[in-house]
Amino acid sequence: MSDADAEPCDWCGDAVANPLSRTVRVSVDRSQIDSQRLCPECFAEWVDRYETEMRADTGHDDAAAAADGEDGGTDIIVD
């Protein structure tokens, strides 16, 4: 991997080749408010943290959500 093919990960700073990098974009009402370029390891940590934070106590449990017809799941879409 040459220096021209690698840029640093926004979290750990390690050089990562473009084909291996992942970009996380956060948008609200179609306006981008954040974008981060991550290496595979930092991206995996980001996904784990996102899932944990989205499952934080919301005031009702999964059993009640299932009884109400909600699936209780969270989708993560990565382009």
C-alpha atoms as a PDB file:
ATOM      1  CA  MET A   1       0.000   0.000   0.000  1.00  0.00           C
ATOM      2  CA  SER A   2       1.499   3.333  -1.007  1.00  0.00           C
ATOM      3  CA  ASP A   3       0.993   6.629   0.815  1.00  0.00           C
ATOM      4  CA  ALA A   4      -1.146   7.835  -2.099  1.00  0.00           C
ATOM      5  CA  ASP A   5      -3.620   4.980  -1.512  1.00  0.00           C
ATOM      6  CA  ALA A   6      -4.002   5.522   2.251  1.00  0.00           C
ATOM      7  CA  GLU A   7      -5.455   8.191   4.492  1.00  0.00           C
ATOM      8  CA  PRO A   8      -5.731   8.207   8.278  1.00  0.00           C
ATOM      9  CA  CYS A   9      -8.694   6.820  10.179  1.00  0.00           C
ATOM     10  CA  ASP A  10     -10.567   9.679  11.870  1.00  0.00           C
ATOM     11  CA  TRP A  11     -10.620   7.770  15.189  1.00  0.00           C
ATOM     12  CA  CYS A  12      -7.305   5.964  15.626  1.00  0.00           C
ATOM     13  CA  GLY A  13      -5.198   7.821  13.059  1.00  0.00           C
ATOM     14  CA  ASP A  14      -3.837   4.643  11.456  1.00  0.00           C
ATOM     15  CA  ALA A  15      -3.401   4.749   7.694  1.00  0.00           C
ATOM     16  CA  VAL A  16      -6.088   2.791   5.886  1.00  0.00           C
ATOM     17  CA  ALA A  17      -6.331   1.981   2.180  1.00  0.00           C
ATOM     18  CA  ASN A  18      -9.343   3.441   0.410  1.00  0.00           C
ATOM     19  CA  PRO A  19     -10.849   0.024  -0.470  1.00  0.00           C
ATOM     20  CA  LEU A  20     -10.799  -0.934   3.233  1.00  0.00           C
ATOM     21  CA  SER A  21     -12.127   2.319   4.667  1.00  0.00           C
ATOM     22  CA  ARG A  22     -15.740   2.930   5.668  1.00  0.00           C
ATOM     23  CA  THR A  23     -17.423   6.314   5.840  1.00  0.00           C
ATOM     24  CA  VAL A  24     -20.053   6.960   8.481  1.00  0.00           C
ATOM     25  CA  ARG A  25     -22.341   9.868   7.627  1.00  0.00           C
ATOM     26  CA  VAL A  26     -24.902  11.300  10.020  1.00  0.00           C
ATOM     27  CA  SER A  27     -27.723  13.273   8.433  1.00  0.00           C
ATOM     28  CA  VAL A  28     -30.738  15.020   9.892  1.00  0.00           C
ATOM     29  CA  ASP A  29     -33.529  16.080   7.555  1.00  0.00           C
ATOM     30  CA  ARG A  30     -31.252  15.365   4.581  1.00  0.00           C
ATOM     31  CA  SER A  31     -28.549  17.716   5.903  1.00  0.00           C
ATOM     32  CA  GLN A  32     -25.225  16.052   6.650  1.00  0.00           C
ATOM     33  CA  ILE A  33     -24.047  16.964  10.139  1.00  0.00           C
ATOM     34  CA  ASP A  34     -21.074  14.602  10.462  1.00  0.00           C
ATOM     35  CA  SER A  35     -18.893  12.365   8.341  1.00  0.00           C
ATOM     36  CA  GLN A  36     -16.101  10.101   9.588  1.00  0.00           C
ATOM     37  CA  ARG A  37     -13.667   7.925   7.644  1.00  0.00           C
ATOM     38  CA  LEU A  38     -12.905   4.779   9.643  1.00  0.00           C
ATOM     39  CA  CYS A  39     -10.631   1.765   9.397  1.00  0.00           C
ATOM     40  CA  PRO A  40     -12.353  -1.649   9.626  1.00  0.00           C
ATOM     41  CA  GLU A  41     -11.600  -2.064  13.361  1.00  0.00           C
ATOM     42  CA  CYS A  42     -12.905   1.393  14.322  1.00  0.00           C
ATOM     43  CA  PHE A  43     -15.966   0.872  12.113  1.00  0.00           C
ATOM     44  CA  ALA A  44     -16.767  -2.385  13.951  1.00  0.00           C
ATOM     45  CA  GLU A  45     -16.437  -0.533  17.278  1.00  0.00           C
ATOM     46  CA  TRP A  46     -18.708   2.239  15.955  1.00  0.00           C
ATOM     47  CA  VAL A  47     -21.390  -0.298  14.968  1.00  0.00           C
ATOM     48  CA  ASP A  48     -21.206  -1.989  18.389  1.00  0.00           C
ATOM     49  CA  ARG A  49     -21.472   1.346  20.212  1.00  0.00           C
ATOM     50  CA  TYR A  50     -24.346   2.478  17.968  1.00  0.00           C
ATOM     51  CA  GLU A  51     -26.304  -0.718  18.631  1.00  0.00           C
ATOM     52  CA  THR A  52     -25.690  -0.424  22.384  1.00  0.00           C
ATOM     53  CA  GLU A  53     -26.767   3.214  22.508  1.00  0.00           C
ATOM     54  CA  MET A  54     -29.871   2.583  20.407  1.00  0.00           C
ATOM     55  CA  ARG A  55     -30.901  -0.194  22.797  1.00  0.00           C
ATOM     56  CA  ALA A  56     -30.600   2.092  25.828  1.00  0.00           C
ATOM     57  CA  ASP A  57     -33.606   2.139  28.157  1.00  0.00           C
ATOM     58  CA  THR A  58     -36.393   3.820  26.222  1.00  0.00           C
ATOM     59  CA  GLY A  59     -39.141   3.412  28.798  1.00  0.00           C
ATOM     60  CA  HIS A  60     -40.708   0.218  27.432  1.00  0.00           C
ATOM     61  CA  ASP A  61     -39.412  -3.277  27.039  1.00  0.00           C
ATOM     62  CA  ASP A  62     -39.127  -5.493  23.965  1.00  0.00           C
ATOM     63  CA  ALA A  63     -41.943  -7.777  25.157  1.00  0.00           C
ATOM     64  CA  ALA A  64     -44.351  -4.839  25.304  1.00  0.00           C
ATOM     65  CA  ALA A  65     -43.167  -3.660  21.885  1.00  0.00           C
ATOM     66  CA  ALA A  66     -43.741  -7.141  20.418  1.00  0.00           C
ATOM     67  CA  ALA A  67     -47.236  -7.220  21.923  1.00  0.00           C
ATOM     68  CA  ASP A  68     -47.925  -3.843  20.301  1.00  0.00           C
ATOM     69  CA  GLY A  69     -46.777  -5.177  16.921  1.00  0.00           C
ATOM     70  CA  GLU A  70     -43.421  -3.381  16.901  1.00  0.00           C
ATOM     71  CA  ASP A  71     -40.373  -5.389  15.914  1.00  0.00           C
ATOM     72  CA  GLY A  72     -38.072  -3.571  18.371  1.00  0.00           C
ATOM     73  CA  GLY A  73     -35.133  -3.887  15.955  1.00  0.00           C
ATOM     74  CA  THR A  74     -32.745  -1.275  14.667  1.00  0.00           C
ATOM     75  CA  ASP A  75     -31.437  -1.364  11.111  1.00  0.00           C
ATOM     76  CA  ILE A  76     -27.967  -0.133  10.245  1.00  0.00           C
ATOM     77  CA  ILE A  77     -27.527   0.655   6.571  1.00  0.00           C
ATOM     78  CA  VAL A  78     -23.970   0.967   5.288  1.00  0.00           C
ATOM     79  CA  ASP A  79     -23.266   2.188   1.785  1.00  0.00           C
END
